[in-house]
Amino acid sequence: MVRVLAVADEVVDSLTFGVGIESRPDLILGAGDLPFEYLEILSSLCDSPCVFVPGNHDRDLRGYRRGRTGWTRAGLPVEDPGPCGAVNADGRTVSVAGLRISGLGGSRRYNGGTNQYTDTQQRLRSLRLRCTAALSPPRGADILLTHSPARGVGDRDDLPHRGFDCFHPLVRSLQPALLIHGHVHPYGERPADLPIGSSTTSMNVVGFCQFDIDPVTRDVEIVRRRYGA
């Protein structure tokens, strides 16, 4: 079993002191709209790798490249633009802590801010993700990590919080055990984990959710959860 701590959107201060964390997670997942320092603290505290995707309130990380000599943008050396040491899975598939994770960050475009996409733009990004995932065996993913939910699966009808239609064919293609997302704040409610596709569960992790996942059987067990900060 791989122990995972997934967080999004709202900082839970107690986690930064280790309060509420059951055992030591093998992996930290960030589903967006969190201070990068928060992800760094959790990764350092748990001594675990961190994989994240940017949310619509995060800085624009596009155009940065990591080479043997460090980070560059437009050919010029720069400091690490994201959480120090974390892996940005936006638009690609990565293998970390024994899990295969595909990522798509951002929200639906509603005011022209950073990390916002029209449905057409996100559909093209999802198609590229499907192609790259298929080229690097084993095909598919254990977890699809997004900021926004899929349309009609835990989203809302207002434009900023409306999910993406293109996530449905992406789930059918990648067949992940879980779609982990944030973006939709619970505001005192307990959002249900919802089925999407034939074998995937969509999970809103605003606040945090700690779970165990078996990469072989794909069984998932919720260990501890908090719906919002």
Protein backbone atom coordinates (compact mmCIF):
# COMPACT_ATOMS: atom_id res chain seq x y z
CA MET A 1 0.00 0.00 0.00
CA VAL A 2 1.12 3.54 -0.76
CA ARG A 3 0.19 6.13 1.88
CA VAL A 4 -0.93 9.43 0.34
CA LEU A 5 -1.74 12.84 1.84
CA ALA A 6 -3.75 14.91 -0.66
CA VAL A 7 -4.37 18.63 -0.07
CA ALA A 8 -5.98 21.51 -1.95
CA ASP A 9 -7.11 25.15 -1.72
CA GLU A 10 -7.33 25.66 2.06
CA VAL A 11 -4.39 25.57 4.47
CA VAL A 12 -4.94 23.31 7.48
CA ASP A 13 -2.50 24.81 9.98
CA SER A 14 -2.44 21.74 12.24
CA LEU A 15 -0.91 19.66 9.46
CA THR A 16 2.21 21.84 9.49
CA PHE A 17 2.86 20.55 13.03
CA GLY A 18 2.10 16.97 12.09
CA VAL A 19 -1.22 17.02 13.94
CA GLY A 20 -3.83 14.97 12.11
CA ILE A 21 -1.37 13.03 9.97
CA GLU A 22 -1.67 9.27 10.47
CA SER A 23 1.76 7.61 10.21
CA ARG A 24 4.15 9.00 7.60
CA PRO A 25 2.76 9.46 4.08
CA ASP A 26 4.81 8.10 1.20
CA LEU A 27 3.57 10.88 -1.07
CA ILE A 28 2.10 14.40 -0.86
CA LEU A 29 -0.36 15.42 -3.60
CA GLY A 30 -1.24 19.09 -4.11
CA ALA A 31 -4.35 19.79 -6.20
CA GLY A 32 -3.74 23.52 -6.49
CA ASP A 33 -4.37 26.93 -4.94
CA LEU A 34 -2.10 26.43 -1.95
CA PRO A 35 0.95 28.45 -0.91
CA PHE A 36 4.01 26.72 -2.27
CA GLU A 37 5.60 27.09 1.18
CA TYR A 38 2.80 24.95 2.61
CA LEU A 39 3.58 22.09 0.22
CA GLU A 40 7.28 22.44 1.04
CA ILE A 41 6.58 22.22 4.78
CA LEU A 42 4.43 19.11 4.39
CA SER A 43 6.98 17.43 2.13
CA SER A 44 9.82 18.24 4.52
CA LEU A 45 7.85 17.29 7.65
CA CYS A 46 6.83 13.93 6.21
CA ASP A 47 10.14 13.42 4.39
CA SER A 48 8.05 12.52 1.34
CA PRO A 49 8.06 13.57 -2.33
CA CYS A 50 5.43 16.04 -3.49
CA VAL A 51 3.55 16.02 -6.79
CA PHE A 52 1.29 18.96 -7.62
CA VAL A 53 -0.68 20.77 -10.30
CA PRO A 54 -1.27 24.55 -10.28
CA GLY A 55 -4.64 26.07 -9.51
CA ASN A 56 -6.17 29.22 -10.94
CA HIS A 57 -4.81 31.31 -8.05
CA ASP A 58 -1.25 29.97 -8.37
CA ARG A 59 1.52 31.68 -10.28
CA ASP A 60 2.03 30.88 -13.95
CA LEU A 61 4.64 28.11 -14.20
CA ARG A 62 4.55 27.73 -17.98
CA GLY A 63 7.77 28.25 -19.89
CA TYR A 64 10.10 27.05 -17.14
CA ARG A 65 12.50 24.22 -17.95
CA ARG A 66 14.63 22.09 -15.67
CA GLY A 67 17.96 20.89 -17.03
CA ARG A 68 21.16 19.43 -15.68
CA THR A 69 22.35 22.87 -14.57
CA GLY A 70 19.07 23.96 -12.97
CA TRP A 71 15.97 25.92 -13.96
CA THR A 72 15.74 28.25 -16.95
CA ARG A 73 13.10 30.42 -18.60
CA ALA A 74 13.59 31.84 -22.07
CA GLY A 75 17.13 30.46 -21.87
CA LEU A 76 18.03 32.40 -18.73
CA PRO A 77 18.78 30.79 -15.35
CA VAL A 78 16.08 31.22 -12.70
CA GLU A 79 15.27 29.84 -9.28
CA ASP A 80 12.90 26.91 -8.84
CA PRO A 81 9.53 28.52 -9.72
CA GLY A 82 7.35 26.07 -7.81
CA PRO A 83 7.50 24.34 -4.43
CA CYS A 84 11.15 23.50 -3.83
CA GLY A 85 11.86 19.93 -4.87
CA ALA A 86 8.26 19.19 -5.88
CA VAL A 87 7.22 17.64 -9.19
CA ASN A 88 4.85 19.63 -11.39
CA ALA A 89 2.62 17.05 -13.12
CA ASP A 90 0.63 19.59 -15.14
CA GLY A 91 0.18 18.17 -18.63
CA ARG A 92 2.27 15.07 -18.09
CA THR A 93 2.48 11.70 -16.40
CA VAL A 94 5.03 11.02 -13.69
CA SER A 95 5.94 7.97 -11.63
CA VAL A 96 6.55 8.79 -7.96
CA ALA A 97 6.44 6.60 -4.83
CA GLY A 98 5.29 3.60 -6.83
CA LEU A 99 2.31 5.40 -8.36
CA ARG A 100 1.70 6.65 -11.88
CA ILE A 101 0.16 10.13 -11.72
CA SER A 102 -1.22 12.15 -14.64
CA GLY A 103 -1.95 15.83 -14.07
CA LEU A 104 -3.95 18.74 -15.50
CA GLY A 105 -4.08 21.96 -13.53
CA GLY A 106 -6.13 25.11 -13.89
CA SER A 107 -9.79 26.05 -13.98
CA ARG A 108 -12.29 27.14 -16.57
CA ARG A 109 -11.59 30.63 -17.95
CA TYR A 110 -13.76 33.21 -16.23
CA ASN A 111 -11.74 36.44 -15.90
CA GLY A 112 -8.58 35.98 -17.97
CA GLY A 113 -6.33 35.17 -15.00
CA THR A 114 -3.46 32.71 -14.88
CA ASN A 115 -4.01 28.97 -15.25
CA GLN A 116 -7.48 29.44 -16.73
CA TYR A 117 -8.59 27.63 -19.88
CA THR A 118 -11.52 27.51 -22.22
CA ASP A 119 -13.07 24.10 -22.72
CA THR A 120 -11.34 23.89 -26.11
CA GLN A 121 -7.94 24.74 -24.63
CA GLN A 122 -8.29 22.19 -21.86
CA ARG A 123 -9.52 19.57 -24.33
CA LEU A 124 -6.35 20.04 -26.39
CA ARG A 125 -4.25 19.78 -23.25
CA SER A 126 -6.06 16.60 -22.25
CA LEU A 127 -5.48 15.10 -25.70
CA ARG A 128 -1.75 15.78 -25.41
CA LEU A 129 -1.76 14.20 -21.96
CA ARG A 130 -3.50 11.10 -23.31
CA CYS A 131 -0.94 10.79 -26.09
CA THR A 132 2.09 11.17 -23.82
CA ALA A 133 0.63 8.71 -21.29
CA ALA A 134 0.13 6.15 -24.05
CA LEU A 135 3.73 6.51 -25.21
CA SER A 136 5.26 5.71 -21.83
CA PRO A 137 4.25 2.21 -20.68
CA PRO A 138 2.57 0.98 -18.65
CA ARG A 139 -0.33 2.86 -20.16
CA GLY A 140 -2.88 4.67 -18.06
CA ALA A 141 -2.52 6.11 -14.57
CA ASP A 142 -3.20 5.21 -10.97
CA ILE A 143 -4.28 8.78 -10.14
CA LEU A 144 -5.49 11.66 -12.29
CA LEU A 145 -4.56 14.84 -10.38
CA THR A 146 -6.48 17.97 -11.42
CA HIS A 147 -7.43 21.29 -9.90
CA SER A 148 -10.97 21.44 -11.27
CA PRO A 149 -13.47 18.58 -11.22
CA ALA A 150 -15.09 16.98 -14.23
CA ARG A 151 -18.29 18.55 -15.51
CA GLY A 152 -21.26 17.15 -13.62
CA VAL A 153 -19.14 15.29 -11.08
CA GLY A 154 -18.80 17.42 -7.97
CA ASP A 155 -18.65 20.77 -9.75
CA ARG A 156 -21.02 23.76 -9.59
CA ASP A 157 -23.03 25.62 -12.21
CA ASP A 158 -21.38 29.05 -11.80
CA LEU A 159 -18.74 29.63 -14.48
CA PRO A 160 -15.63 29.75 -12.23
CA HIS A 161 -16.48 26.40 -10.59
CA ARG A 162 -17.89 24.60 -13.61
CA GLY A 163 -15.96 21.42 -14.37
CA PHE A 164 -14.43 20.31 -17.66
CA ASP A 165 -16.30 18.01 -20.06
CA CYS A 166 -13.00 16.77 -21.49
CA PHE A 167 -12.12 15.02 -18.23
CA HIS A 168 -14.67 12.30 -19.02
CA PRO A 169 -12.86 10.93 -22.11
CA LEU A 170 -9.56 11.46 -20.29
CA VAL A 171 -10.76 9.20 -17.47
CA ARG A 172 -11.96 6.60 -19.98
CA SER A 173 -8.54 6.63 -21.62
CA LEU A 174 -6.31 6.64 -18.52
CA GLN A 175 -8.59 4.49 -16.31
CA PRO A 176 -7.24 5.88 -13.01
CA ALA A 177 -8.43 4.52 -9.69
CA LEU A 178 -8.93 8.09 -8.45
CA LEU A 179 -9.51 11.55 -9.86
CA ILE A 180 -8.18 13.88 -7.15
CA HIS A 181 -9.30 17.53 -7.41
CA GLY A 182 -9.82 20.69 -5.40
CA HIS A 183 -11.25 24.10 -6.47
CA VAL A 184 -14.81 23.54 -5.13
CA HIS A 185 -14.84 24.66 -1.49
CA PRO A 186 -17.15 22.63 0.76
CA TYR A 187 -18.23 25.56 3.01
CA GLY A 188 -19.24 23.27 5.85
CA GLU A 189 -20.60 20.48 3.67
CA ARG A 190 -19.13 17.01 3.20
CA PRO A 191 -18.78 16.51 -0.57
CA ALA A 192 -19.37 12.91 -1.54
CA ASP A 193 -16.85 10.83 -3.46
CA LEU A 194 -18.51 10.24 -6.82
CA PRO A 195 -18.13 7.62 -9.54
CA ILE A 196 -16.83 8.76 -12.91
CA GLY A 197 -16.39 6.31 -15.75
CA SER A 198 -16.46 2.57 -15.16
CA SER A 199 -13.88 2.22 -12.41
CA THR A 200 -12.82 5.68 -11.19
CA THR A 201 -13.80 7.63 -8.08
CA SER A 202 -13.73 11.45 -8.12
CA MET A 203 -12.56 12.87 -4.78
CA ASN A 204 -12.66 16.50 -3.62
CA VAL A 205 -9.67 17.02 -1.28
CA VAL A 206 -10.14 20.69 -0.31
CA GLY A 207 -8.75 20.64 3.22
CA PHE A 208 -7.05 17.25 3.18
CA CYS A 209 -7.59 13.56 2.68
CA GLN A 210 -5.17 10.86 3.74
CA PHE A 211 -5.67 7.51 2.07
CA ASP A 212 -3.90 4.27 1.26
CA ILE A 213 -3.90 2.92 -2.28
CA ASP A 214 -2.69 -0.43 -3.54
CA PRO A 215 -1.14 0.12 -7.01
CA VAL A 216 -1.72 -3.54 -7.89
CA THR A 217 -5.31 -4.14 -6.80
CA ARG A 218 -6.25 -0.41 -6.98
CA ASP A 219 -8.02 -0.73 -3.63
CA VAL A 220 -8.34 2.58 -1.77
CA GLU A 221 -8.88 3.04 1.96
CA ILE A 222 -9.60 6.46 3.50
CA VAL A 223 -7.50 6.92 6.64
CA ARG A 224 -8.33 10.46 7.75
CA ARG A 225 -10.12 13.42 6.20
CA ARG A 226 -11.05 17.03 6.79
CA TYR A 227 -13.53 18.82 4.55
CA GLY A 228 -12.00 22.28 4.33
CA ALA A 229 -9.72 24.10 6.75
